[in-house]
Protein backbone atom coordinates (compact mmCIF):
# COMPACT_ATOMS: atom_id res chain seq x y z
CA MET A 1 0.00 0.00 0.00
CA THR A 2 1.21 3.48 -0.82
CA ASP A 3 2.29 6.02 1.77
CA GLY A 4 0.87 9.51 1.70
CA LYS A 5 -2.22 11.17 0.41
CA TYR A 6 -3.49 8.28 -1.74
CA ARG A 7 -3.58 5.74 1.09
CA THR A 8 -7.36 6.07 1.57
CA LEU A 9 -8.08 5.80 -2.16
CA GLN A 10 -5.95 2.70 -2.47
CA ALA A 11 -7.66 1.10 0.54
CA LYS A 12 -11.08 1.76 -1.04
CA LEU A 13 -9.94 0.39 -4.38
CA GLU A 14 -8.72 -2.76 -2.68
CA ALA A 15 -11.92 -3.16 -0.67
CA PHE A 16 -14.45 -2.54 -3.46
CA GLU A 17 -12.80 -3.63 -6.71
CA THR A 18 -11.48 -6.88 -8.15
CA TRP A 19 -8.16 -6.66 -9.99
CA PRO A 20 -7.48 -6.38 -12.85
CA HIS A 21 -10.20 -3.72 -13.24
CA ARG A 22 -11.35 -1.19 -15.87
CA TYR A 23 -10.76 2.15 -14.15
CA THR A 24 -11.97 5.57 -15.34
CA PHE A 25 -9.50 8.42 -15.00
CA LYS A 26 -10.66 12.04 -15.29
CA PHE A 27 -8.32 15.00 -15.07
CA ILE A 28 -8.31 18.73 -15.82
CA VAL A 29 -5.18 20.68 -16.74
CA PRO A 30 -4.43 24.21 -17.96
CA ALA A 31 -4.38 24.34 -21.77
CA GLU A 32 -0.61 24.81 -21.89
CA LYS A 33 -0.15 21.50 -19.98
CA ARG A 34 -2.33 19.41 -22.32
CA ALA A 35 0.63 17.71 -24.03
CA GLU A 36 2.10 16.65 -20.66
CA LEU A 37 -1.18 15.02 -19.67
CA GLU A 38 -1.67 13.32 -23.01
CA ALA A 39 1.87 11.91 -22.82
CA ILE A 40 0.90 9.98 -19.69
CA PHE A 41 -1.96 8.31 -21.58
CA HIS A 42 -0.07 7.81 -24.86
CA GLY A 43 -0.96 4.46 -26.39
CA HIS A 44 -4.35 4.32 -24.66
CA GLU A 45 -7.70 5.46 -25.93
CA TYR A 46 -8.90 8.68 -24.30
CA SER A 47 -11.06 11.71 -25.01
CA VAL A 48 -10.09 15.36 -24.52
CA ARG A 49 -12.43 18.32 -24.25
CA ALA A 50 -11.68 22.03 -24.01
CA SER A 51 -13.38 24.24 -21.47
CA ARG A 52 -15.78 26.88 -22.75
CA THR A 53 -13.07 29.53 -22.59
CA GLY A 54 -10.28 27.23 -23.84
CA LYS A 55 -8.16 27.83 -20.74
CA TYR A 56 -8.44 24.22 -19.55
CA PHE A 57 -8.69 20.74 -21.02
CA SER A 58 -10.28 17.69 -19.49
CA LEU A 59 -9.16 14.17 -20.28
CA THR A 60 -11.12 10.98 -19.69
CA CYS A 61 -9.56 7.56 -20.13
CA VAL A 62 -10.89 4.10 -19.26
CA ARG A 63 -8.00 1.68 -18.85
CA GLU A 64 -7.63 -1.89 -17.71
CA MET A 65 -5.43 -1.57 -14.64
CA PRO A 66 -3.65 -4.59 -13.14
CA THR A 67 -3.60 -3.41 -9.50
CA SER A 68 -4.76 -0.59 -7.25
CA GLY A 69 -1.12 0.45 -6.99
CA SER A 70 -0.97 1.02 -10.75
CA VAL A 71 -3.96 3.38 -10.44
CA ILE A 72 -2.16 5.33 -7.72
CA GLU A 73 0.95 5.56 -9.90
CA VAL A 74 -1.09 7.31 -12.62
CA TYR A 75 -2.51 9.78 -10.10
CA GLU A 76 1.00 10.54 -8.81
CA ARG A 77 2.32 11.13 -12.35
CA VAL A 78 -0.54 13.50 -13.18
CA GLU A 79 -0.16 15.29 -9.84
CA ALA A 80 3.35 16.27 -10.94
CA ILE A 81 1.79 18.42 -13.70
CA GLU A 82 1.42 21.95 -12.38
CA GLY A 83 -2.22 23.03 -12.16
CA SER A 84 -3.69 19.54 -12.66
CA TYR A 85 -6.87 18.39 -10.94
CA ALA A 86 -8.28 14.89 -10.56
CA LEU A 87 -12.03 14.48 -10.79
């Protein structure tokens, strides 16, 4: 189990899901960070949508994840992008 802020999420994933599992990721980033976010999901099918003003982009991706730890790893990678938000 991971240390830090994702401990509760990982515990819930372990308690309520069976692995491997199709997990839905949803993130929002400032427009200038779109390429960084898309790089994390390169090779996987995802959809991207601009905000009404074009200042932000949202990304949704449903991926087959092998473990709860692999889900947390994605969250940690996206968290490293300045201005990112997980939904």
